[in-house]
Structures are given as C-alpha cells and as structure tokens.
PDB file of N, CA and C in Angstrom:
ATOM      1  N   MET A   1     -10.730  -8.833  14.431  1.00  0.00           N
ATOM      2  CA  MET A   1      -9.485  -9.207  13.784  1.00  0.00           C
ATOM      3  C   MET A   1      -8.498  -8.047  13.929  1.00  0.00           C
ATOM      4  N   ASN A   2      -7.297  -8.370  14.343  1.00  0.00           N
ATOM      5  CA  ASN A   2      -6.273  -7.349  14.547  1.00  0.00           C
ATOM      6  C   ASN A   2      -5.155  -7.553  13.523  1.00  0.00           C
ATOM      7  N   ILE A   3      -5.169  -6.765  12.487  1.00  0.00           N
ATOM      8  CA  ILE A   3      -4.185  -6.885  11.413  1.00  0.00           C
ATOM      9  C   ILE A   3      -3.302  -5.647  11.441  1.00  0.00           C
ATOM     10  N   ASN A   4      -1.995  -5.862  11.351  1.00  0.00           N
ATOM     11  CA  ASN A   4      -1.086  -4.730  11.273  1.00  0.00           C
ATOM     12  C   ASN A   4      -0.944  -4.344   9.803  1.00  0.00           C
ATOM     13  N   VAL A   5      -1.585  -3.257   9.440  1.00  0.00           N
ATOM     14  CA  VAL A   5      -1.613  -2.805   8.047  1.00  0.00           C
ATOM     15  C   VAL A   5      -0.206  -2.521   7.543  1.00  0.00           C
ATOM     16  N   GLU A   6       0.593  -1.808   8.345  1.00  0.00           N
ATOM     17  CA  GLU A   6       1.943  -1.445   7.908  1.00  0.00           C
ATOM     18  C   GLU A   6       2.775  -2.690   7.622  1.00  0.00           C
ATOM     19  N   GLU A   7       2.759  -3.666   8.511  1.00  0.00           N
ATOM     20  CA  GLU A   7       3.530  -4.893   8.295  1.00  0.00           C
ATOM     21  C   GLU A   7       3.063  -5.623   7.043  1.00  0.00           C
ATOM     22  N   THR A   8       1.757  -5.649   6.830  1.00  0.00           N
ATOM     23  CA  THR A   8       1.200  -6.324   5.654  1.00  0.00           C
ATOM     24  C   THR A   8       1.659  -5.641   4.371  1.00  0.00           C
ATOM     25  N   VAL A   9       1.554  -4.315   4.321  1.00  0.00           N
ATOM     26  CA  VAL A   9       1.972  -3.558   3.131  1.00  0.00           C
ATOM     27  C   VAL A   9       3.456  -3.758   2.864  1.00  0.00           C
ATOM     28  N   LEU A  10       4.272  -3.617   3.896  1.00  0.00           N
ATOM     29  CA  LEU A  10       5.722  -3.744   3.704  1.00  0.00           C
ATOM     30  C   LEU A  10       6.101  -5.148   3.251  1.00  0.00           C
ATOM     31  N   ALA A  11       5.470  -6.170   3.816  1.00  0.00           N
ATOM     32  CA  ALA A  11       5.776  -7.546   3.417  1.00  0.00           C
ATOM     33  C   ALA A  11       5.439  -7.775   1.947  1.00  0.00           C
ATOM     34  N   ILE A  12       4.294  -7.271   1.517  1.00  0.00           N
ATOM     35  CA  ILE A  12       3.883  -7.463   0.118  1.00  0.00           C
ATOM     36  C   ILE A  12       4.787  -6.672  -0.824  1.00  0.00           C
ATOM     37  N   LEU A  13       5.143  -5.443  -0.464  1.00  0.00           N
ATOM     38  CA  LEU A  13       6.028  -4.642  -1.326  1.00  0.00           C
ATOM     39  C   LEU A  13       7.447  -5.201  -1.357  1.00  0.00           C
ATOM     40  N   LYS A  14       7.914  -5.775  -0.247  1.00  0.00           N
ATOM     41  CA  LYS A  14       9.266  -6.364  -0.221  1.00  0.00           C
ATOM     42  C   LYS A  14       9.385  -7.523  -1.203  1.00  0.00           C
ATOM     43  N   GLU A  15       8.274  -8.194  -1.481  1.00  0.00           N
ATOM     44  CA  GLU A  15       8.279  -9.280  -2.475  1.00  0.00           C
ATOM     45  C   GLU A  15       8.557  -8.743  -3.872  1.00  0.00           C
ATOM     46  N   ARG A  16       8.306  -7.449  -4.071  1.00  0.00           N
ATOM     47  CA  ARG A  16       8.449  -6.839  -5.391  1.00  0.00           C
ATOM     48  C   ARG A  16       9.788  -6.128  -5.581  1.00  0.00           C
ATOM     49  N   GLY A  17      10.549  -5.952  -4.509  1.00  0.00           N
ATOM     50  CA  GLY A  17      11.844  -5.301  -4.626  1.00  0.00           C
ATOM     51  C   GLY A  17      12.300  -4.725  -3.296  1.00  0.00           C
ATOM     52  N   PRO A  18      13.536  -4.263  -3.248  1.00  0.00           N
ATOM     53  CA  PRO A  18      14.073  -3.733  -1.993  1.00  0.00           C
ATOM     54  C   PRO A  18      13.431  -2.405  -1.608  1.00  0.00           C
ATOM     55  N   LEU A  19      13.279  -2.233  -0.303  1.00  0.00           N
ATOM     56  CA  LEU A  19      12.724  -0.989   0.250  1.00  0.00           C
ATOM     57  C   LEU A  19      13.811  -0.266   1.034  1.00  0.00           C
ATOM     58  N   PRO A  20      13.736   1.050   1.132  1.00  0.00           N
ATOM     59  CA  PRO A  20      14.702   1.795   1.937  1.00  0.00           C
ATOM     60  C   PRO A  20      14.671   1.318   3.393  1.00  0.00           C
ATOM     61  N   LYS A  21      15.822   1.350   4.041  1.00  0.00           N
ATOM     62  CA  LYS A  21      15.904   0.926   5.441  1.00  0.00           C
ATOM     63  C   LYS A  21      15.283   1.954   6.387  1.00  0.00           C
ATOM     64  N   SER A  22      15.440   3.222   6.075  1.00  0.00           N
ATOM     65  CA  SER A  22      14.905   4.288   6.912  1.00  0.00           C
ATOM     66  C   SER A  22      13.382   4.329   6.803  1.00  0.00           C
ATOM     67  N   SER A  23      12.704   4.357   7.954  1.00  0.00           N
ATOM     68  CA  SER A  23      11.237   4.393   7.933  1.00  0.00           C
ATOM     69  C   SER A  23      10.720   5.667   7.266  1.00  0.00           C
ATOM     70  N   GLN A  24      11.446   6.778   7.421  1.00  0.00           N
ATOM     71  CA  GLN A  24      11.026   8.043   6.792  1.00  0.00           C
ATOM     72  C   GLN A  24      11.153   7.951   5.267  1.00  0.00           C
ATOM     73  N   GLU A  25      12.267   7.387   4.802  1.00  0.00           N
ATOM     74  CA  GLU A  25      12.453   7.214   3.352  1.00  0.00           C
ATOM     75  C   GLU A  25      11.401   6.262   2.794  1.00  0.00           C
ATOM     76  N   ARG A  26      11.115   5.188   3.536  1.00  0.00           N
ATOM     77  CA  ARG A  26      10.083   4.231   3.096  1.00  0.00           C
ATOM     78  C   ARG A  26       8.732   4.917   2.985  1.00  0.00           C
ATOM     79  N   ALA A  27       8.374   5.692   3.992  1.00  0.00           N
ATOM     80  CA  ALA A  27       7.056   6.344   4.011  1.00  0.00           C
ATOM     81  C   ALA A  27       6.880   7.279   2.820  1.00  0.00           C
ATOM     82  N   ASN A  28       7.957   7.939   2.407  1.00  0.00           N
ATOM     83  CA  ASN A  28       7.883   8.919   1.320  1.00  0.00           C
ATOM     84  C   ASN A  28       8.144   8.330  -0.064  1.00  0.00           C
ATOM     85  N   LEU A  29       8.489   7.061  -0.122  1.00  0.00           N
ATOM     86  CA  LEU A  29       8.838   6.433  -1.395  1.00  0.00           C
ATOM     87  C   LEU A  29       7.612   6.288  -2.296  1.00  0.00           C
ATOM     88  N   ASP A  30       7.714   6.795  -3.508  1.00  0.00           N
ATOM     89  CA  ASP A  30       6.690   6.586  -4.529  1.00  0.00           C
ATOM     90  C   ASP A  30       6.976   5.205  -5.129  1.00  0.00           C
ATOM     91  N   TYR A  31       6.217   4.213  -4.698  1.00  0.00           N
ATOM     92  CA  TYR A  31       6.506   2.828  -5.078  1.00  0.00           C
ATOM     93  C   TYR A  31       6.294   2.572  -6.571  1.00  0.00           C
ATOM     94  N   ILE A  32       5.499   3.393  -7.229  1.00  0.00           N
ATOM     95  CA  ILE A  32       5.312   3.244  -8.670  1.00  0.00           C
ATOM     96  C   ILE A  32       6.544   3.788  -9.393  1.00  0.00           C
ATOM     97  N   GLU A  33       6.943   5.005  -9.029  1.00  0.00           N
ATOM     98  CA  GLU A  33       8.120   5.628  -9.641  1.00  0.00           C
ATOM     99  C   GLU A  33       9.381   4.811  -9.368  1.00  0.00           C
ATOM    100  N   ALA A  34       9.450   4.182  -8.199  1.00  0.00           N
ATOM    101  CA  ALA A  34      10.626   3.378  -7.833  1.00  0.00           C
ATOM    102  C   ALA A  34      10.663   2.042  -8.580  1.00  0.00           C
ATOM    103  N   GLY A  35       9.601   1.719  -9.314  1.00  0.00           N
ATOM    104  CA  GLY A  35       9.587   0.494 -10.103  1.00  0.00           C
ATOM    105  C   GLY A  35       9.151  -0.746  -9.340  1.00  0.00           C
ATOM    106  N   LEU A  36       8.649  -0.580  -8.119  1.00  0.00           N
ATOM    107  CA  LEU A  36       8.167  -1.738  -7.373  1.00  0.00           C
ATOM    108  C   LEU A  36       6.868  -2.267  -7.967  1.00  0.00           C
ATOM    109  N   VAL A  37       6.106  -1.355  -8.577  1.00  0.00           N
ATOM    110  CA  VAL A  37       4.823  -1.704  -9.171  1.00  0.00           C
ATOM    111  C   VAL A  37       4.647  -0.877 -10.440  1.00  0.00           C
ATOM    112  N   ASP A  38       4.235  -1.533 -11.519  1.00  0.00           N
ATOM    113  CA  ASP A  38       3.905  -0.771 -12.725  1.00  0.00           C
ATOM    114  C   ASP A  38       2.392  -0.594 -12.774  1.00  0.00           C
ATOM    115  N   SER A  39       1.896   0.023 -13.815  1.00  0.00           N
ATOM    116  CA  SER A  39       0.460   0.326 -13.864  1.00  0.00           C
ATOM    117  C   SER A  39      -0.400  -0.937 -13.821  1.00  0.00           C
ATOM    118  N   LEU A  40       0.025  -1.991 -14.489  1.00  0.00           N
ATOM    119  CA  LEU A  40      -0.725  -3.244 -14.437  1.00  0.00           C
ATOM    120  C   LEU A  40      -0.565  -3.914 -13.077  1.00  0.00           C
ATOM    121  N   GLY A  41       0.634  -3.845 -12.541  1.00  0.00           N
ATOM    122  CA  GLY A  41       0.909  -4.450 -11.242  1.00  0.00           C
ATOM    123  C   GLY A  41       0.181  -3.761 -10.111  1.00  0.00           C
ATOM    124  N   LEU A  42      -0.197  -2.507 -10.314  1.00  0.00           N
ATOM    125  CA  LEU A  42      -0.905  -1.771  -9.275  1.00  0.00           C
ATOM    126  C   LEU A  42      -2.238  -2.436  -8.951  1.00  0.00           C
ATOM    127  N   MET A  43      -2.950  -2.869  -9.964  1.00  0.00           N
ATOM    128  CA  MET A  43      -4.230  -3.538  -9.715  1.00  0.00           C
ATOM    129  C   MET A  43      -4.019  -4.864  -8.985  1.00  0.00           C
ATOM    130  N   ASN A  44      -2.951  -5.579  -9.334  1.00  0.00           N
ATOM    131  CA  ASN A  44      -2.638  -6.820  -8.623  1.00  0.00           C
ATOM    132  C   ASN A  44      -2.292  -6.529  -7.170  1.00  0.00           C
ATOM    133  N   LEU A  45      -1.529  -5.456  -6.938  1.00  0.00           N
ATOM    134  CA  LEU A  45      -1.166  -5.059  -5.579  1.00  0.00           C
ATOM    135  C   LEU A  45      -2.415  -4.734  -4.772  1.00  0.00           C
ATOM    136  N   VAL A  46      -3.299  -3.949  -5.353  1.00  0.00           N
ATOM    137  CA  VAL A  46      -4.530  -3.563  -4.661  1.00  0.00           C
ATOM    138  C   VAL A  46      -5.360  -4.799  -4.323  1.00  0.00           C
ATOM    139  N   THR A  47      -5.501  -5.692  -5.267  1.00  0.00           N
ATOM    140  CA  THR A  47      -6.264  -6.918  -5.043  1.00  0.00           C
ATOM    141  C   THR A  47      -5.648  -7.747  -3.921  1.00  0.00           C
ATOM    142  N   GLU A  48      -4.330  -7.863  -3.934  1.00  0.00           N
ATOM    143  CA  GLU A  48      -3.633  -8.631  -2.900  1.00  0.00           C
ATOM    144  C   GLU A  48      -3.809  -7.987  -1.518  1.00  0.00           C
ATOM    145  N   LEU A  49      -3.699  -6.665  -1.459  1.00  0.00           N
ATOM    146  CA  LEU A  49      -3.866  -5.961  -0.191  1.00  0.00           C
ATOM    147  C   LEU A  49      -5.301  -6.064   0.313  1.00  0.00           C
ATOM    148  N   GLU A  50      -6.272  -5.899  -0.582  1.00  0.00           N
ATOM    149  CA  GLU A  50      -7.670  -6.016  -0.181  1.00  0.00           C
ATOM    150  C   GLU A  50      -7.948  -7.407   0.393  1.00  0.00           C
ATOM    151  N   SER A  51      -7.403  -8.423  -0.244  1.00  0.00           N
ATOM    152  CA  SER A  51      -7.599  -9.792   0.221  1.00  0.00           C
ATOM    153  C   SER A  51      -6.928 -10.022   1.573  1.00  0.00           C
ATOM    154  N   ALA A  52      -5.690  -9.568   1.703  1.00  0.00           N
ATOM    155  CA  ALA A  52      -4.937  -9.775   2.947  1.00  0.00           C
ATOM    156  C   ALA A  52      -5.572  -9.045   4.124  1.00  0.00           C
ATOM    157  N   LEU A  53      -6.158  -7.883   3.851  1.00  0.00           N
ATOM    158  CA  LEU A  53      -6.729  -7.057   4.922  1.00  0.00           C
ATOM    159  C   LEU A  53      -8.241  -7.216   5.050  1.00  0.00           C
ATOM    160  N   ASP A  54      -8.829  -8.021   4.162  1.00  0.00           N
ATOM    161  CA  ASP A  54     -10.270  -8.266   4.155  1.00  0.00           C
ATOM    162  C   ASP A  54     -11.057  -6.947   4.082  1.00  0.00           C
ATOM    163  N   ILE A  55     -10.683  -6.130   3.082  1.00  0.00           N
ATOM    164  CA  ILE A  55     -11.333  -4.836   2.866  1.00  0.00           C
ATOM    165  C   ILE A  55     -11.627  -4.667   1.385  1.00  0.00           C
ATOM    166  N   GLU A  56     -12.344  -3.605   1.069  1.00  0.00           N
ATOM    167  CA  GLU A  56     -12.551  -3.216  -0.325  1.00  0.00           C
ATOM    168  C   GLU A  56     -12.319  -1.710  -0.410  1.00  0.00           C
ATOM    169  N   LEU A  57     -11.355  -1.313  -1.215  1.00  0.00           N
ATOM    170  CA  LEU A  57     -11.071   0.111  -1.378  1.00  0.00           C
ATOM    171  C   LEU A  57     -12.129   0.749  -2.273  1.00  0.00           C
ATOM    172  N   GLU A  58     -12.393   2.011  -2.014  1.00  0.00           N
ATOM    173  CA  GLU A  58     -13.339   2.768  -2.812  1.00  0.00           C
ATOM    174  C   GLU A  58     -12.575   3.534  -3.889  1.00  0.00           C
ATOM    175  N   GLU A  59     -13.255   3.895  -4.957  1.00  0.00           N
ATOM    176  CA  GLU A  59     -12.619   4.600  -6.067  1.00  0.00           C
ATOM    177  C   GLU A  59     -11.904   5.866  -5.601  1.00  0.00           C
ATOM    178  N   GLU A  60     -12.504   6.579  -4.670  1.00  0.00           N
ATOM    179  CA  GLU A  60     -11.887   7.824  -4.179  1.00  0.00           C
ATOM    180  C   GLU A  60     -10.549   7.567  -3.483  1.00  0.00           C
ATOM    181  N   ASP A  61     -10.366   6.364  -2.950  1.00  0.00           N
ATOM    182  CA  ASP A  61      -9.086   6.030  -2.311  1.00  0.00           C
ATOM    183  C   ASP A  61      -7.944   6.087  -3.320  1.00  0.00           C
ATOM    184  N   PHE A  62      -8.208   5.648  -4.550  1.00  0.00           N
ATOM    185  CA  PHE A  62      -7.192   5.625  -5.595  1.00  0.00           C
ATOM    186  C   PHE A  62      -6.852   7.014  -6.126  1.00  0.00           C
ATOM    187  N   MET A  63      -7.783   7.930  -6.010  1.00  0.00           N
ATOM    188  CA  MET A  63      -7.624   9.258  -6.597  1.00  0.00           C
ATOM    189  C   MET A  63      -6.740  10.199  -5.785  1.00  0.00           C
ATOM    190  N   GLN A  64      -6.442   9.829  -4.571  1.00  0.00           N
ATOM    191  CA  GLN A  64      -5.630  10.679  -3.710  1.00  0.00           C
ATOM    192  C   GLN A  64      -4.153  10.564  -4.097  1.00  0.00           C
ATOM    193  N   ASP A  65      -3.461  11.700  -4.143  1.00  0.00           N
ATOM    194  CA  ASP A  65      -2.027  11.686  -4.459  1.00  0.00           C
ATOM    195  C   ASP A  65      -1.237  10.848  -3.470  1.00  0.00           C
ATOM    196  N   LYS A  66      -1.663  10.863  -2.212  1.00  0.00           N
ATOM    197  CA  LYS A  66      -0.918  10.134  -1.189  1.00  0.00           C
ATOM    198  C   LYS A  66      -0.912   8.627  -1.430  1.00  0.00           C
ATOM    199  N   PHE A  67      -1.827   8.132  -2.250  1.00  0.00           N
ATOM    200  CA  PHE A  67      -1.908   6.701  -2.541  1.00  0.00           C
ATOM    201  C   PHE A  67      -0.636   6.193  -3.213  1.00  0.00           C
ATOM    202  N   ARG A  68       0.154   7.093  -3.814  1.00  0.00           N
ATOM    203  CA  ARG A  68       1.369   6.713  -4.542  1.00  0.00           C
ATOM    204  C   ARG A  68       2.574   6.461  -3.641  1.00  0.00           C
ATOM    205  N   THR A  69       2.510   6.931  -2.395  1.00  0.00           N
ATOM    206  CA  THR A  69       3.641   6.708  -1.485  1.00  0.00           C
ATOM    207  C   THR A  69       3.302   5.567  -0.536  1.00  0.00           C
ATOM    208  N   ILE A  70       4.329   4.934  -0.021  1.00  0.00           N
ATOM    209  CA  ILE A  70       4.086   3.828   0.903  1.00  0.00           C
ATOM    210  C   ILE A  70       3.354   4.320   2.149  1.00  0.00           C
ATOM    211  N   GLY A  71       3.776   5.454   2.690  1.00  0.00           N
ATOM    212  CA  GLY A  71       3.115   5.993   3.871  1.00  0.00           C
ATOM    213  C   GLY A  71       1.662   6.341   3.597  1.00  0.00           C
ATOM    214  N   GLY A  72       1.403   6.935   2.450  1.00  0.00           N
ATOM    215  CA  GLY A  72       0.037   7.282   2.073  1.00  0.00           C
ATOM    216  C   GLY A  72      -0.819   6.056   1.818  1.00  0.00           C
ATOM    217  N   LEU A  73      -0.217   5.044   1.221  1.00  0.00           N
ATOM    218  CA  LEU A  73      -0.916   3.787   0.982  1.00  0.00           C
ATOM    219  C   LEU A  73      -1.318   3.160   2.313  1.00  0.00           C
ATOM    220  N   ILE A  74      -0.376   3.138   3.258  1.00  0.00           N
ATOM    221  CA  ILE A  74      -0.665   2.575   4.581  1.00  0.00           C
ATOM    222  C   ILE A  74      -1.794   3.356   5.252  1.00  0.00           C
ATOM    223  N   GLU A  75      -1.721   4.672   5.183  1.00  0.00           N
ATOM    224  CA  GLU A  75      -2.760   5.512   5.789  1.00  0.00           C
ATOM    225  C   GLU A  75      -4.126   5.237   5.160  1.00  0.00           C
ATOM    226  N   THR A  76      -4.163   5.157   3.855  1.00  0.00           N
ATOM    227  CA  THR A  76      -5.411   4.882   3.137  1.00  0.00           C
ATOM    228  C   THR A  76      -5.987   3.532   3.537  1.00  0.00           C
ATOM    229  N   LEU A  77      -5.118   2.549   3.632  1.00  0.00           N
ATOM    230  CA  LEU A  77      -5.569   1.203   4.001  1.00  0.00           C
ATOM    231  C   LEU A  77      -6.043   1.159   5.454  1.00  0.00           C
ATOM    232  N   GLN A  78      -5.367   1.869   6.332  1.00  0.00           N
ATOM    233  CA  GLN A  78      -5.806   1.921   7.736  1.00  0.00           C
ATOM    234  C   GLN A  78      -7.209   2.530   7.824  1.00  0.00           C
ATOM    235  N   GLN A  79      -7.465   3.552   7.022  1.00  0.00           N
ATOM    236  CA  GLN A  79      -8.790   4.165   7.005  1.00  0.00           C
ATOM    237  C   GLN A  79      -9.838   3.183   6.475  1.00  0.00           C
ATOM    238  N   ALA A  80      -9.457   2.418   5.460  1.00  0.00           N
ATOM    239  CA  ALA A  80     -10.384   1.427   4.892  1.00  0.00           C
ATOM    240  C   ALA A  80     -10.680   0.318   5.906  1.00  0.00           C
ATOM    241  N   VAL A  81      -9.676  -0.094   6.662  1.00  0.00           N
ATOM    242  CA  VAL A  81      -9.873  -1.108   7.701  1.00  0.00           C
ATOM    243  C   VAL A  81     -10.818  -0.559   8.765  1.00  0.00           C
ATOM    244  N   ALA A  82     -10.664   0.692   9.140  1.00  0.00           N
ATOM    245  CA  ALA A  82     -11.529   1.307  10.149  1.00  0.00           C
ATOM    246  C   ALA A  82     -12.984   1.401   9.660  1.00  0.00           C
ATOM    247  N   ARG A  83     -13.155   1.584   8.331  1.00  0.00           N
ATOM    248  CA  ARG A  83     -14.510   1.656   7.760  1.00  0.00           C
ATOM    249  C   ARG A  83     -15.196   0.302   7.719  1.00  0.00           C
ATOM    250  N   ALA A  84     -14.379  -0.757   7.610  1.00  0.00           N
ATOM    251  CA  ALA A  84     -14.928  -2.112   7.422  1.00  0.00           C
ATOM    252  C   ALA A  84     -15.635  -2.649   8.654  1.00  0.00           C
TER     253      ALA A  84
END
C-alpha cells in the first residue's frame, strides 16, 4: 500500500482549520497551540490518522516534542508506517 502521509495529515488538519500556505510555516506550526486541535481533539486526531494510515502509534511517539508540529507529526507517522 502506498499512502502519502503528508497529504493525509494535511487533509485531516485542513478539516479542523486553515493552515499556512508556506510549506516551511506549515512544517513548524504547533497545531495544538494554533487551536487546530485541543487536548481532547488530539486523541481523535491520532485515532483518525492511525485509521487512515493503517498503523498504530506507540506511546513513545507521543512523548517526542516534535509530535506537536505538523512537520514532526508527519515524520513520526512516516516512521510508524515504515515499522508497520
């Protein structure tokens, strides 16, 4: 299965609010601080991403600071897809 993780993440986050047009600004955006996801919504986001990508994130994935940015989230998910 060939899934584009970045496209999947961006499509799901765009449903929650506007994203910066610049790819660099998007990659560095803290989606929680920006209000795209609150603490309760984070679990829904994770569940939706896991389902869309047919993966299961590990607890250590959540503990990384980079998980809070869109770029870091994409990187984490790409690693999870590679593990699957």
